Amino acid sequence: LFNSTQPTVVPYAKTGEVMLRITAKGNNVEECEKIIAPVLDEICTLLGKHVYGIDVDSLEEVVVRSLASRHLRIAAAESCTGGLFVKRLTDIPGASDVLDMSMVTYANDVKVRLGVDPKIITEKGAVSPECARALARGIRKASGADIGVGITGIAGPTGGTEEKPIGLVYIALSTASGDWVKKTINGRGGSERELVRTMATTKALDMVRRLLESGWAL
């Protein structure tokens, strides 16, 4: 497809995602759209659920619109991302219609107050799938939102171990129908703190998008 000349397909790399630009030449917009349509369909078929939108500005825009169209609300408890997930949501006009509340839960005692069992902290650690799940459940129950998001990890540049390296992040979603947890590792174990945080929130947003599109099944 990248070798096509009519239309052309050009990739643009972004942090954690890729944008594909499809361009056609014609006598008018309608003619160009007809040329583009089959190529666009082929790309969407090839990439499937990895495509989050067409002619949209951002993943967070898609998530906010998707929540709003379903009349659902979301809440988040963030550790290593320090509120970046919610910041990205609130960058979108209309976020107040879907965002219920958020907490930055850096300290372990705050995690416990939100509902994380102290045994999880001592036996599994604050950076663990169990802790992420408990954070997601806790913020959902505290807020009454439809979806709870829990994020915990090691953004660096210090704090990593061989078992839990810098860049390790656990992301959990909680709903009344069930919970889902994903493990992600980003960066090269160095001082890429912002990359780790950005990639973690992108993954979290995409998890919410996929959850909404699939009807509560990841």
N, C-alpha and C. Protein backbone atom coordinates (compact mmCIF):
# COMPACT_ATOMS: atom_id res chain seq x y z
N LEU A 1 0.83 -1.21 0.00
CA LEU A 1 0.00 0.00 0.00
C LEU A 1 0.86 1.26 0.00
N PHE A 2 2.02 1.18 0.67
CA PHE A 2 2.91 2.35 0.72
C PHE A 2 3.51 2.65 -0.66
N ASN A 3 3.49 1.68 -1.55
CA ASN A 3 4.03 1.89 -2.89
C ASN A 3 2.98 2.43 -3.86
N SER A 4 1.74 2.55 -3.39
CA SER A 4 0.67 3.05 -4.25
C SER A 4 0.89 4.53 -4.59
N THR A 5 0.53 4.90 -5.82
CA THR A 5 0.67 6.30 -6.24
C THR A 5 -0.67 7.01 -6.39
N GLN A 6 -1.76 6.25 -6.45
CA GLN A 6 -3.09 6.85 -6.55
C GLN A 6 -4.13 5.92 -5.94
N PRO A 7 -4.44 6.15 -4.64
CA PRO A 7 -3.96 7.20 -3.76
C PRO A 7 -2.62 6.83 -3.12
N THR A 8 -2.00 7.80 -2.46
CA THR A 8 -0.79 7.52 -1.71
C THR A 8 -1.15 7.22 -0.26
N VAL A 9 -0.36 6.36 0.37
CA VAL A 9 -0.54 6.03 1.79
C VAL A 9 0.79 6.31 2.49
N VAL A 10 0.78 7.24 3.42
CA VAL A 10 2.01 7.67 4.09
C VAL A 10 1.86 7.54 5.61
N PRO A 11 2.81 6.86 6.28
CA PRO A 11 2.75 6.75 7.74
C PRO A 11 3.47 7.90 8.44
N TYR A 12 2.88 8.34 9.54
CA TYR A 12 3.51 9.36 10.40
C TYR A 12 3.62 8.77 11.80
N ALA A 13 4.86 8.58 12.26
CA ALA A 13 5.07 8.00 13.59
C ALA A 13 4.83 9.05 14.67
N LYS A 14 4.08 8.66 15.71
CA LYS A 14 3.85 9.49 16.88
C LYS A 14 4.22 8.67 18.11
N THR A 15 4.21 9.27 19.26
CA THR A 15 4.55 8.54 20.48
C THR A 15 3.48 7.50 20.80
N GLY A 16 3.83 6.24 20.59
CA GLY A 16 2.90 5.17 20.93
C GLY A 16 1.84 4.88 19.91
N GLU A 17 1.87 5.54 18.78
CA GLU A 17 0.86 5.30 17.75
C GLU A 17 1.37 5.76 16.40
N VAL A 18 0.64 5.41 15.35
CA VAL A 18 0.99 5.80 13.99
C VAL A 18 -0.24 6.35 13.30
N MET A 19 -0.08 7.45 12.60
CA MET A 19 -1.16 8.01 11.79
C MET A 19 -0.88 7.70 10.32
N LEU A 20 -1.88 7.25 9.60
CA LEU A 20 -1.75 7.00 8.17
C LEU A 20 -2.52 8.06 7.41
N ARG A 21 -1.83 8.72 6.48
CA ARG A 21 -2.48 9.74 5.65
C ARG A 21 -2.71 9.16 4.26
N ILE A 22 -3.95 9.21 3.81
CA ILE A 22 -4.29 8.73 2.47
C ILE A 22 -4.66 9.93 1.62
N THR A 23 -3.98 10.09 0.49
CA THR A 23 -4.17 11.27 -0.35
C THR A 23 -4.45 10.83 -1.79
N ALA A 24 -5.49 11.42 -2.39
CA ALA A 24 -5.82 11.13 -3.79
C ALA A 24 -5.86 12.42 -4.59
N LYS A 25 -5.61 12.30 -5.87
CA LYS A 25 -5.72 13.43 -6.79
C LYS A 25 -6.94 13.23 -7.68
N GLY A 26 -7.73 14.29 -7.84
CA GLY A 26 -8.94 14.20 -8.68
C GLY A 26 -9.46 15.56 -9.03
N ASN A 27 -10.53 15.57 -9.79
CA ASN A 27 -11.13 16.83 -10.24
C ASN A 27 -11.94 17.51 -9.16
N ASN A 28 -12.38 16.73 -8.14
CA ASN A 28 -13.17 17.30 -7.05
C ASN A 28 -13.09 16.39 -5.84
N VAL A 29 -13.64 16.85 -4.72
CA VAL A 29 -13.56 16.09 -3.48
C VAL A 29 -14.26 14.74 -3.61
N GLU A 30 -15.41 14.73 -4.27
CA GLU A 30 -16.17 13.49 -4.40
C GLU A 30 -15.37 12.43 -5.15
N GLU A 31 -14.69 12.84 -6.22
CA GLU A 31 -13.89 11.90 -6.98
C GLU A 31 -12.74 11.35 -6.14
N CYS A 32 -12.12 12.22 -5.37
CA CYS A 32 -11.02 11.78 -4.50
C CYS A 32 -11.50 10.81 -3.43
N GLU A 33 -12.66 11.08 -2.87
CA GLU A 33 -13.19 10.20 -1.83
C GLU A 33 -13.48 8.81 -2.38
N LYS A 34 -13.94 8.72 -3.63
CA LYS A 34 -14.21 7.42 -4.26
C LYS A 34 -12.91 6.64 -4.47
N ILE A 35 -11.84 7.35 -4.79
CA ILE A 35 -10.55 6.70 -4.99
C ILE A 35 -9.99 6.20 -3.65
N ILE A 36 -10.19 6.99 -2.61
CA ILE A 36 -9.66 6.66 -1.29
C ILE A 36 -10.43 5.52 -0.62
N ALA A 37 -11.74 5.47 -0.83
CA ALA A 37 -12.61 4.56 -0.08
C ALA A 37 -12.14 3.10 -0.05
N PRO A 38 -11.82 2.47 -1.18
CA PRO A 38 -11.42 1.05 -1.10
C PRO A 38 -10.10 0.83 -0.37
N VAL A 39 -9.17 1.77 -0.48
CA VAL A 39 -7.90 1.66 0.23
C VAL A 39 -8.11 1.83 1.73
N LEU A 40 -8.96 2.78 2.10
CA LEU A 40 -9.28 2.98 3.51
C LEU A 40 -9.93 1.73 4.09
N ASP A 41 -10.84 1.13 3.35
CA ASP A 41 -11.49 -0.10 3.81
C ASP A 41 -10.48 -1.22 3.99
N GLU A 42 -9.53 -1.33 3.05
CA GLU A 42 -8.52 -2.38 3.14
C GLU A 42 -7.64 -2.20 4.37
N ILE A 43 -7.24 -0.96 4.63
CA ILE A 43 -6.41 -0.68 5.80
C ILE A 43 -7.15 -1.02 7.09
N CYS A 44 -8.41 -0.63 7.17
CA CYS A 44 -9.21 -0.91 8.36
C CYS A 44 -9.40 -2.41 8.55
N THR A 45 -9.54 -3.15 7.44
CA THR A 45 -9.68 -4.60 7.52
C THR A 45 -8.38 -5.23 8.01
N LEU A 46 -7.25 -4.77 7.48
CA LEU A 46 -5.95 -5.32 7.86
C LEU A 46 -5.62 -5.05 9.32
N LEU A 47 -5.90 -3.84 9.80
CA LEU A 47 -5.51 -3.44 11.15
C LEU A 47 -6.58 -3.72 12.20
N GLY A 48 -7.80 -3.91 11.77
CA GLY A 48 -8.87 -4.30 12.69
C GLY A 48 -9.05 -3.35 13.85
N LYS A 49 -9.06 -3.90 15.08
CA LYS A 49 -9.34 -3.11 16.27
C LYS A 49 -8.22 -2.15 16.64
N HIS A 50 -7.07 -2.27 15.94
CA HIS A 50 -5.98 -1.33 16.21
C HIS A 50 -6.31 0.07 15.70
N VAL A 51 -7.27 0.18 14.77
CA VAL A 51 -7.70 1.48 14.27
C VAL A 51 -8.69 2.08 15.26
N TYR A 52 -8.32 3.23 15.85
CA TYR A 52 -9.24 3.82 16.83
C TYR A 52 -10.09 4.93 16.25
N GLY A 53 -9.79 5.40 15.04
CA GLY A 53 -10.63 6.45 14.47
C GLY A 53 -10.15 6.89 13.11
N ILE A 54 -11.03 7.55 12.41
CA ILE A 54 -10.74 8.13 11.10
C ILE A 54 -11.09 9.62 11.16
N ASP A 55 -10.12 10.44 10.80
CA ASP A 55 -10.31 11.90 10.86
C ASP A 55 -10.68 12.37 12.26
N VAL A 56 -9.99 11.83 13.27
CA VAL A 56 -10.16 12.29 14.64
C VAL A 56 -8.82 12.84 15.12
N ASP A 57 -8.88 13.73 16.11
CA ASP A 57 -7.66 14.40 16.57
C ASP A 57 -6.82 13.57 17.52
N SER A 58 -7.46 12.72 18.34
CA SER A 58 -6.70 12.01 19.36
C SER A 58 -7.49 10.83 19.90
N LEU A 59 -6.76 9.93 20.56
CA LEU A 59 -7.38 8.78 21.21
C LEU A 59 -8.28 9.23 22.34
N GLU A 60 -7.87 10.24 23.11
CA GLU A 60 -8.70 10.71 24.21
C GLU A 60 -10.02 11.31 23.71
N GLU A 61 -9.98 11.93 22.54
CA GLU A 61 -11.23 12.45 21.97
C GLU A 61 -12.20 11.30 21.69
N VAL A 62 -11.68 10.21 21.15
CA VAL A 62 -12.51 9.05 20.86
C VAL A 62 -13.11 8.48 22.14
N VAL A 63 -12.30 8.39 23.19
CA VAL A 63 -12.77 7.82 24.45
C VAL A 63 -13.86 8.70 25.08
N VAL A 64 -13.64 10.00 25.11
CA VAL A 64 -14.63 10.90 25.71
C VAL A 64 -15.95 10.82 24.93
N ARG A 65 -15.88 10.84 23.62
CA ARG A 65 -17.10 10.77 22.80
C ARG A 65 -17.80 9.43 22.98
N SER A 66 -17.01 8.36 23.08
CA SER A 66 -17.59 7.04 23.24
C SER A 66 -18.29 6.89 24.59
N LEU A 67 -17.68 7.41 25.63
CA LEU A 67 -18.32 7.39 26.94
C LEU A 67 -19.61 8.22 26.94
N ALA A 68 -19.52 9.41 26.34
CA ALA A 68 -20.68 10.31 26.31
C ALA A 68 -21.84 9.70 25.54
N SER A 69 -21.55 9.07 24.42
CA SER A 69 -22.62 8.49 23.59
C SER A 69 -23.32 7.34 24.29
N ARG A 70 -22.63 6.71 25.24
CA ARG A 70 -23.20 5.59 25.99
C ARG A 70 -23.71 6.02 27.37
N HIS A 71 -23.58 7.31 27.67
CA HIS A 71 -24.01 7.86 28.96
C HIS A 71 -23.33 7.15 30.13
N LEU A 72 -22.02 6.94 29.99
CA LEU A 72 -21.22 6.28 31.01
C LEU A 72 -20.24 7.26 31.64
N ARG A 73 -19.86 6.97 32.89
CA ARG A 73 -18.90 7.81 33.59
C ARG A 73 -17.70 6.99 34.02
N ILE A 74 -16.57 7.66 34.13
CA ILE A 74 -15.30 7.01 34.42
C ILE A 74 -14.60 7.71 35.59
N ALA A 75 -13.80 6.95 36.33
CA ALA A 75 -13.00 7.50 37.43
C ALA A 75 -11.65 6.82 37.41
N ALA A 76 -10.62 7.47 37.93
CA ALA A 76 -9.28 6.91 37.85
C ALA A 76 -8.49 7.12 39.13
N ALA A 77 -7.70 6.10 39.47
CA ALA A 77 -6.73 6.18 40.57
C ALA A 77 -5.36 5.94 39.95
N GLU A 78 -4.51 6.97 39.97
CA GLU A 78 -3.22 6.90 39.29
C GLU A 78 -2.07 7.02 40.28
N SER A 79 -1.08 6.17 40.09
CA SER A 79 0.13 6.28 40.88
C SER A 79 1.25 6.87 40.02
N CYS A 80 1.91 6.04 39.22
CA CYS A 80 3.10 6.51 38.50
C CYS A 80 2.79 7.57 37.45
N THR A 81 1.56 7.62 36.95
CA THR A 81 1.21 8.61 35.92
C THR A 81 0.78 9.95 36.51
N GLY A 82 0.60 10.00 37.82
CA GLY A 82 0.40 11.28 38.51
C GLY A 82 -0.73 12.16 38.00
N GLY A 83 -1.79 11.57 37.47
CA GLY A 83 -2.92 12.37 36.98
C GLY A 83 -2.89 12.63 35.49
N LEU A 84 -1.90 12.09 34.77
CA LEU A 84 -1.79 12.35 33.33
C LEU A 84 -2.95 11.75 32.55
N PHE A 85 -3.43 10.58 32.99
CA PHE A 85 -4.58 9.96 32.32
C PHE A 85 -5.78 10.90 32.34
N VAL A 86 -6.08 11.42 33.51
CA VAL A 86 -7.24 12.33 33.63
C VAL A 86 -6.96 13.65 32.94
N LYS A 87 -5.71 14.12 32.98
CA LYS A 87 -5.37 15.36 32.28
C LYS A 87 -5.67 15.23 30.80
N ARG A 88 -5.34 14.08 30.21
CA ARG A 88 -5.60 13.88 28.78
C ARG A 88 -7.10 13.85 28.50
N LEU A 89 -7.87 13.26 29.40
CA LEU A 89 -9.32 13.28 29.22
C LEU A 89 -9.87 14.70 29.29
N THR A 90 -9.40 15.47 30.27
CA THR A 90 -9.94 16.81 30.46
C THR A 90 -9.41 17.82 29.44
N ASP A 91 -8.48 17.41 28.60
CA ASP A 91 -8.08 18.25 27.47
C ASP A 91 -9.19 18.33 26.43
N ILE A 92 -10.14 17.39 26.51
CA ILE A 92 -11.22 17.31 25.52
C ILE A 92 -12.46 18.02 26.05
N PRO A 93 -13.01 18.97 25.28
CA PRO A 93 -14.26 19.62 25.71
C PRO A 93 -15.37 18.58 25.90
N GLY A 94 -16.12 18.74 26.96
CA GLY A 94 -17.18 17.79 27.26
C GLY A 94 -16.77 16.69 28.22
N ALA A 95 -15.51 16.71 28.67
CA ALA A 95 -15.04 15.68 29.59
C ALA A 95 -15.81 15.70 30.90
N SER A 96 -16.33 16.85 31.28
CA SER A 96 -17.08 16.95 32.54
C SER A 96 -18.34 16.08 32.53
N ASP A 97 -18.79 15.72 31.34
CA ASP A 97 -19.98 14.87 31.23
C ASP A 97 -19.67 13.40 31.50
N VAL A 98 -18.40 13.03 31.45
CA VAL A 98 -18.05 11.62 31.58
C VAL A 98 -17.08 11.33 32.72
N LEU A 99 -16.35 12.33 33.20
CA LEU A 99 -15.37 12.10 34.26
C LEU A 99 -16.01 12.34 35.62
N ASP A 100 -15.96 11.32 36.46
CA ASP A 100 -16.60 11.42 37.77
C ASP A 100 -15.63 11.98 38.81
N MET A 101 -14.48 11.34 38.99
CA MET A 101 -13.49 11.82 39.94
C MET A 101 -12.16 11.14 39.65
N SER A 102 -11.09 11.66 40.28
CA SER A 102 -9.78 11.02 40.14
C SER A 102 -9.00 11.20 41.42
N MET A 103 -8.02 10.31 41.62
CA MET A 103 -7.12 10.40 42.76
C MET A 103 -5.71 10.07 42.30
N VAL A 104 -4.73 10.80 42.82
CA VAL A 104 -3.33 10.45 42.62
C VAL A 104 -2.89 9.73 43.88
N THR A 105 -2.63 8.42 43.76
CA THR A 105 -2.40 7.58 44.93
C THR A 105 -0.94 7.13 45.01
N TYR A 106 -0.06 8.11 45.19
CA TYR A 106 1.37 7.79 45.27
C TYR A 106 1.71 7.03 46.56
N ALA A 107 1.26 7.54 47.68
CA ALA A 107 1.60 6.93 48.97
C ALA A 107 0.82 5.63 49.18
N ASN A 108 1.48 4.64 49.77
CA ASN A 108 0.83 3.35 49.99
C ASN A 108 -0.36 3.46 50.94
N ASP A 109 -0.26 4.35 51.96
CA ASP A 109 -1.38 4.48 52.88
C ASP A 109 -2.61 5.04 52.19
N VAL A 110 -2.41 5.85 51.14
CA VAL A 110 -3.55 6.36 50.36
C VAL A 110 -4.17 5.22 49.56
N LYS A 111 -3.33 4.37 49.02
CA LYS A 111 -3.84 3.19 48.30
C LYS A 111 -4.70 2.34 49.23
N VAL A 112 -4.22 2.15 50.45
CA VAL A 112 -4.96 1.35 51.42
C VAL A 112 -6.30 2.01 51.76
N ARG A 113 -6.28 3.32 51.94
CA ARG A 113 -7.52 4.04 52.25
C ARG A 113 -8.53 3.94 51.12
N LEU A 114 -8.03 3.76 49.90
CA LEU A 114 -8.94 3.63 48.77
C LEU A 114 -9.50 2.21 48.66
N GLY A 115 -8.93 1.28 49.40
CA GLY A 115 -9.47 -0.07 49.38
C GLY A 115 -8.48 -1.16 49.06
N VAL A 116 -7.20 -0.81 48.85
CA VAL A 116 -6.19 -1.83 48.58
C VAL A 116 -5.87 -2.55 49.88
N ASP A 117 -5.98 -3.87 49.89
CA ASP A 117 -5.66 -4.67 51.07
C ASP A 117 -4.18 -4.47 51.41
N PRO A 118 -3.86 -4.15 52.67
CA PRO A 118 -2.45 -3.98 53.05
C PRO A 118 -1.58 -5.18 52.71
N LYS A 119 -2.18 -6.39 52.71
CA LYS A 119 -1.42 -7.60 52.37
C LYS A 119 -0.93 -7.56 50.91
N ILE A 120 -1.69 -6.91 50.05
CA ILE A 120 -1.26 -6.77 48.66
C ILE A 120 0.03 -5.97 48.59
N ILE A 121 0.08 -4.90 49.36
CA ILE A 121 1.27 -4.04 49.37
C ILE A 121 2.48 -4.80 49.91
N THR A 122 2.28 -5.53 51.01
CA THR A 122 3.42 -6.20 51.65
C THR A 122 3.83 -7.48 50.92
N GLU A 123 2.88 -8.20 50.35
CA GLU A 123 3.18 -9.50 49.73
C GLU A 123 3.41 -9.41 48.22
N LYS A 124 2.65 -8.56 47.53
CA LYS A 124 2.75 -8.46 46.08
C LYS A 124 3.48 -7.19 45.64
N GLY A 125 3.39 -6.15 46.46
CA GLY A 125 4.00 -4.87 46.13
C GLY A 125 3.01 -3.89 45.55
N ALA A 126 3.35 -2.61 45.67
CA ALA A 126 2.48 -1.56 45.13
C ALA A 126 2.42 -1.61 43.61
N VAL A 127 3.49 -2.12 43.00
CA VAL A 127 3.50 -2.30 41.54
C VAL A 127 3.22 -3.77 41.26
N SER A 128 1.97 -4.08 41.08
CA SER A 128 1.54 -5.46 40.86
C SER A 128 0.16 -5.46 40.22
N PRO A 129 -0.20 -6.53 39.53
CA PRO A 129 -1.55 -6.59 38.95
C PRO A 129 -2.63 -6.55 40.01
N GLU A 130 -2.33 -7.15 41.17
CA GLU A 130 -3.31 -7.15 42.25
C GLU A 130 -3.59 -5.74 42.75
N CYS A 131 -2.54 -4.93 42.86
CA CYS A 131 -2.71 -3.56 43.33
C CYS A 131 -3.47 -2.72 42.30
N ALA A 132 -3.12 -2.89 41.03
CA ALA A 132 -3.82 -2.14 39.98
C ALA A 132 -5.31 -2.47 39.98
N ARG A 133 -5.63 -3.76 40.12
CA ARG A 133 -7.03 -4.18 40.15
C ARG A 133 -7.76 -3.58 41.36
N ALA A 134 -7.10 -3.60 42.50
CA ALA A 134 -7.72 -3.05 43.72
C ALA A 134 -7.94 -1.55 43.60
N LEU A 135 -6.99 -0.84 42.97
CA LEU A 135 -7.15 0.60 42.76
C LEU A 135 -8.36 0.87 41.86
N ALA A 136 -8.47 0.10 40.77
CA ALA A 136 -9.58 0.30 39.84
C ALA A 136 -10.92 0.02 40.52
N ARG A 137 -10.97 -1.05 41.30
CA ARG A 137 -12.20 -1.38 42.03
C ARG A 137 -12.52 -0.30 43.06
N GLY A 138 -11.49 0.13 43.78
CA GLY A 138 -11.70 1.10 44.84
C GLY A 138 -12.21 2.43 44.33
N ILE A 139 -11.63 2.94 43.25
CA ILE A 139 -12.06 4.24 42.73
C ILE A 139 -13.45 4.14 42.11
N ARG A 140 -13.76 2.99 41.53
CA ARG A 140 -15.11 2.83 40.95
C ARG A 140 -16.16 2.83 42.04
N LYS A 141 -15.88 2.12 43.13
CA LYS A 141 -16.85 2.05 44.22
C LYS A 141 -16.96 3.39 44.96
N ALA A 142 -15.83 4.07 45.13
CA ALA A 142 -15.84 5.35 45.84
C ALA A 142 -16.59 6.42 45.06
N SER A 143 -16.50 6.35 43.75
CA SER A 143 -17.11 7.39 42.91
C SER A 143 -18.50 7.05 42.43
N GLY A 144 -18.79 5.76 42.30
CA GLY A 144 -20.06 5.36 41.71
C GLY A 144 -20.02 5.39 40.20
N ALA A 145 -18.84 5.52 39.62
CA ALA A 145 -18.70 5.56 38.16
C ALA A 145 -18.92 4.17 37.56
N ASP A 146 -19.14 4.14 36.26
CA ASP A 146 -19.35 2.87 35.56
C ASP A 146 -18.03 2.13 35.33
N ILE A 147 -16.95 2.90 35.14
CA ILE A 147 -15.64 2.31 34.87
C ILE A 147 -14.61 2.91 35.82
N GLY A 148 -13.85 2.04 36.48
CA GLY A 148 -12.75 2.49 37.31
C GLY A 148 -11.44 2.12 36.64
N VAL A 149 -10.48 3.03 36.68
CA VAL A 149 -9.17 2.79 36.09
C VAL A 149 -8.12 2.86 37.19
N GLY A 150 -7.25 1.86 37.24
CA GLY A 150 -6.15 1.87 38.20
C GLY A 150 -4.83 1.73 37.48
N ILE A 151 -3.87 2.61 37.78
CA ILE A 151 -2.56 2.59 37.12
C ILE A 151 -1.47 2.64 38.19
N THR A 152 -0.55 1.69 38.14
CA THR A 152 0.57 1.68 39.06
C THR A 152 1.80 1.12 38.36
N GLY A 153 2.96 1.73 38.59
CA GLY A 153 4.16 1.27 37.90
C GLY A 153 5.41 1.98 38.36
N ILE A 154 6.47 1.80 37.60
CA ILE A 154 7.77 2.41 37.92
C ILE A 154 8.20 3.26 36.73
N ALA A 155 8.06 4.56 36.87
CA ALA A 155 8.36 5.47 35.76
C ALA A 155 9.84 5.81 35.66
N GLY A 156 10.59 5.57 36.74
CA GLY A 156 12.02 5.86 36.72
C GLY A 156 12.33 7.32 37.04
N PRO A 157 13.58 7.69 37.00
CA PRO A 157 14.74 6.89 36.56
C PRO A 157 15.29 5.94 37.63
N THR A 158 14.72 5.97 38.85
CA THR A 158 15.16 5.06 39.90
C THR A 158 13.98 4.20 40.33
N GLY A 159 14.27 3.22 41.17
CA GLY A 159 13.20 2.40 41.74
C GLY A 159 13.02 1.05 41.08
N GLY A 160 13.71 0.81 39.98
CA GLY A 160 13.56 -0.46 39.29
C GLY A 160 14.40 -1.56 39.89
N THR A 161 13.99 -2.80 39.69
CA THR A 161 14.75 -3.98 40.09
C THR A 161 14.77 -4.95 38.91
N GLU A 162 15.50 -6.04 39.06
CA GLU A 162 15.53 -7.05 38.00
C GLU A 162 14.15 -7.66 37.79
N GLU A 163 13.44 -7.85 38.88
CA GLU A 163 12.09 -8.43 38.80
C GLU A 163 11.08 -7.42 38.30
N LYS A 164 11.24 -6.17 38.74
CA LYS A 164 10.32 -5.11 38.34
C LYS A 164 11.14 -3.94 37.78
N PRO A 165 11.41 -3.97 36.49
CA PRO A 165 12.28 -2.96 35.88
C PRO A 165 11.58 -1.62 35.68
N ILE A 166 12.38 -0.59 35.50
CA ILE A 166 11.84 0.72 35.15
C ILE A 166 11.06 0.59 33.84
N GLY A 167 9.90 1.19 33.81
CA GLY A 167 9.04 1.09 32.64
C GLY A 167 7.89 0.11 32.79
N LEU A 168 7.94 -0.70 33.87
CA LEU A 168 6.86 -1.65 34.13
C LEU A 168 5.64 -0.93 34.69
N VAL A 169 4.50 -1.14 34.06
CA VAL A 169 3.25 -0.52 34.52
C VAL A 169 2.13 -1.55 34.41
N TYR A 170 1.30 -1.59 35.44
CA TYR A 170 0.08 -2.40 35.41
C TYR A 170 -1.12 -1.46 35.32
N ILE A 171 -2.03 -1.78 34.42
CA ILE A 171 -3.22 -0.97 34.20
C ILE A 171 -4.44 -1.87 34.36
N ALA A 172 -5.39 -1.42 35.16
CA ALA A 172 -6.60 -2.22 35.40
C ALA A 172 -7.85 -1.41 35.12
N LEU A 173 -8.85 -2.10 34.60
CA LEU A 173 -10.19 -1.52 34.44
C LEU A 173 -11.15 -2.34 35.29
N SER A 174 -12.08 -1.67 35.92
CA SER A 174 -13.07 -2.35 36.73
C SER A 174 -14.46 -1.87 36.36
N THR A 175 -15.36 -2.82 36.17
CA THR A 175 -16.77 -2.51 35.93
C THR A 175 -17.61 -3.45 36.80
N ALA A 176 -18.90 -3.23 36.82
CA ALA A 176 -19.78 -4.11 37.57
C ALA A 176 -19.78 -5.52 36.98
N SER A 177 -19.36 -5.63 35.71
CA SER A 177 -19.36 -6.93 35.02
C SER A 177 -18.06 -7.70 35.17
N GLY A 178 -16.99 -7.03 35.61
CA GLY A 178 -15.71 -7.71 35.74
C GLY A 178 -14.54 -6.76 35.71
N ASP A 179 -13.35 -7.32 35.89
CA ASP A 179 -12.11 -6.54 35.91
C ASP A 179 -11.15 -7.06 34.85
N TRP A 180 -10.29 -6.17 34.35
CA TRP A 180 -9.27 -6.53 33.38
C TRP A 180 -7.97 -5.85 33.75
N VAL A 181 -6.86 -6.60 33.66
CA VAL A 181 -5.55 -6.05 33.99
C VAL A 181 -4.58 -6.32 32.86
N LYS A 182 -3.79 -5.31 32.49
CA LYS A 182 -2.78 -5.45 31.46
C LYS A 182 -1.42 -5.03 32.01
N LYS A 183 -0.39 -5.74 31.58
CA LYS A 183 0.99 -5.42 31.93
C LYS A 183 1.66 -4.80 30.72
N THR A 184 2.37 -3.70 30.93
CA THR A 184 3.09 -3.07 29.83
C THR A 184 4.47 -2.63 30.30
N ILE A 185 5.46 -2.74 29.43
CA ILE A 185 6.81 -2.27 29.74
C ILE A 185 7.27 -1.37 28.60
N ASN A 186 7.62 -0.14 28.92
CA ASN A 186 8.02 0.83 27.91
C ASN A 186 9.36 1.46 28.26
N GLY A 187 10.02 2.01 27.26
CA GLY A 187 11.31 2.63 27.47
C GLY A 187 12.43 1.60 27.47
N ARG A 188 13.61 2.06 27.75
CA ARG A 188 14.79 1.20 27.74
C ARG A 188 15.44 1.13 29.12
N GLY A 189 14.63 1.32 30.16
CA GLY A 189 15.13 1.19 31.52
C GLY A 189 16.00 2.33 31.99
N GLY A 190 15.94 3.47 31.30
CA GLY A 190 16.76 4.61 31.67
C GLY A 190 15.93 5.77 32.17
N SER A 191 16.31 6.96 31.71
CA SER A 191 15.65 8.17 32.21
C SER A 191 14.55 8.64 31.27
N GLU A 192 13.73 7.71 30.84
CA GLU A 192 12.63 8.04 29.92
C GLU A 192 11.31 8.13 30.67
N ARG A 193 11.33 8.87 31.75
CA ARG A 193 10.17 8.96 32.64
C ARG A 193 8.91 9.42 31.91
N GLU A 194 9.03 10.45 31.11
CA GLU A 194 7.85 10.98 30.43
C GLU A 194 7.33 10.01 29.38
N LEU A 195 8.24 9.29 28.72
CA LEU A 195 7.81 8.30 27.75
C LEU A 195 7.02 7.19 28.44
N VAL A 196 7.52 6.71 29.54
CA VAL A 196 6.82 5.65 30.29
C VAL A 196 5.44 6.12 30.69
N ARG A 197 5.34 7.31 31.21
CA ARG A 197 4.05 7.85 31.67
C ARG A 197 3.09 8.05 30.50
N THR A 198 3.60 8.60 29.41
CA THR A 198 2.75 8.84 28.24
C THR A 198 2.25 7.53 27.65
N MET A 199 3.16 6.57 27.50
CA MET A 199 2.77 5.29 26.93
C MET A 199 1.77 4.56 27.82
N ALA A 200 1.94 4.68 29.13
CA ALA A 200 1.01 4.02 30.06
C ALA A 200 -0.40 4.60 29.92
N THR A 201 -0.50 5.92 29.83
CA THR A 201 -1.83 6.52 29.70
C THR A 201 -2.43 6.24 28.33
N THR A 202 -1.59 6.15 27.30
CA THR A 202 -2.11 5.79 25.97
C THR A 202 -2.68 4.38 26.01
N LYS A 203 -1.96 3.46 26.65
CA LYS A 203 -2.46 2.09 26.79
C LYS A 203 -3.76 2.06 27.57
N ALA A 204 -3.83 2.84 28.64
CA ALA A 204 -5.05 2.87 29.45
C ALA A 204 -6.23 3.40 28.65
N LEU A 205 -6.01 4.46 27.90
CA LEU A 205 -7.07 5.01 27.06
C LEU A 205 -7.53 3.99 26.03
N ASP A 206 -6.57 3.28 25.43
CA ASP A 206 -6.93 2.30 24.42
C ASP A 206 -7.67 1.12 25.03
N MET A 207 -7.32 0.75 26.25
CA MET A 207 -8.07 -0.30 26.94
C MET A 207 -9.52 0.11 27.16
N VAL A 208 -9.73 1.36 27.56
CA VAL A 208 -11.10 1.85 27.75
C VAL A 208 -11.84 1.84 26.41
N ARG A 209 -11.18 2.32 25.37
CA ARG A 209 -11.81 2.33 24.03
C ARG A 209 -12.24 0.92 23.61
N ARG A 210 -11.32 -0.03 23.73
CA ARG A 210 -11.63 -1.40 23.33
C ARG A 210 -12.74 -2.00 24.19
N LEU A 211 -12.73 -1.68 25.47
CA LEU A 211 -13.78 -2.18 26.37
C LEU A 211 -15.15 -1.67 25.92
N LEU A 212 -15.23 -0.39 25.62
CA LEU A 212 -16.50 0.20 25.20
C LEU A 212 -16.97 -0.37 23.86
N GLU A 213 -16.04 -0.53 22.93
CA GLU A 213 -16.40 -1.02 21.60
C GLU A 213 -16.78 -2.50 21.60
N SER A 214 -16.22 -3.24 22.54
CA SER A 214 -16.48 -4.69 22.55
C SER A 214 -17.67 -5.08 23.40
N GLY A 215 -18.22 -4.13 24.15
CA GLY A 215 -19.35 -4.46 25.00
C GLY A 215 -18.92 -5.19 26.26
N TRP A 216 -17.94 -4.64 26.97
CA TRP A 216 -17.45 -5.16 28.25
C TRP A 216 -16.67 -6.47 28.09
N ALA A 217 -15.82 -6.58 27.10
CA ALA A 217 -14.94 -7.75 26.98
C ALA A 217 -13.66 -7.34 26.27
N LEU A 218 -12.53 -7.49 26.94
CA LEU A 218 -11.25 -7.16 26.32
C LEU A 218 -10.62 -8.40 25.70
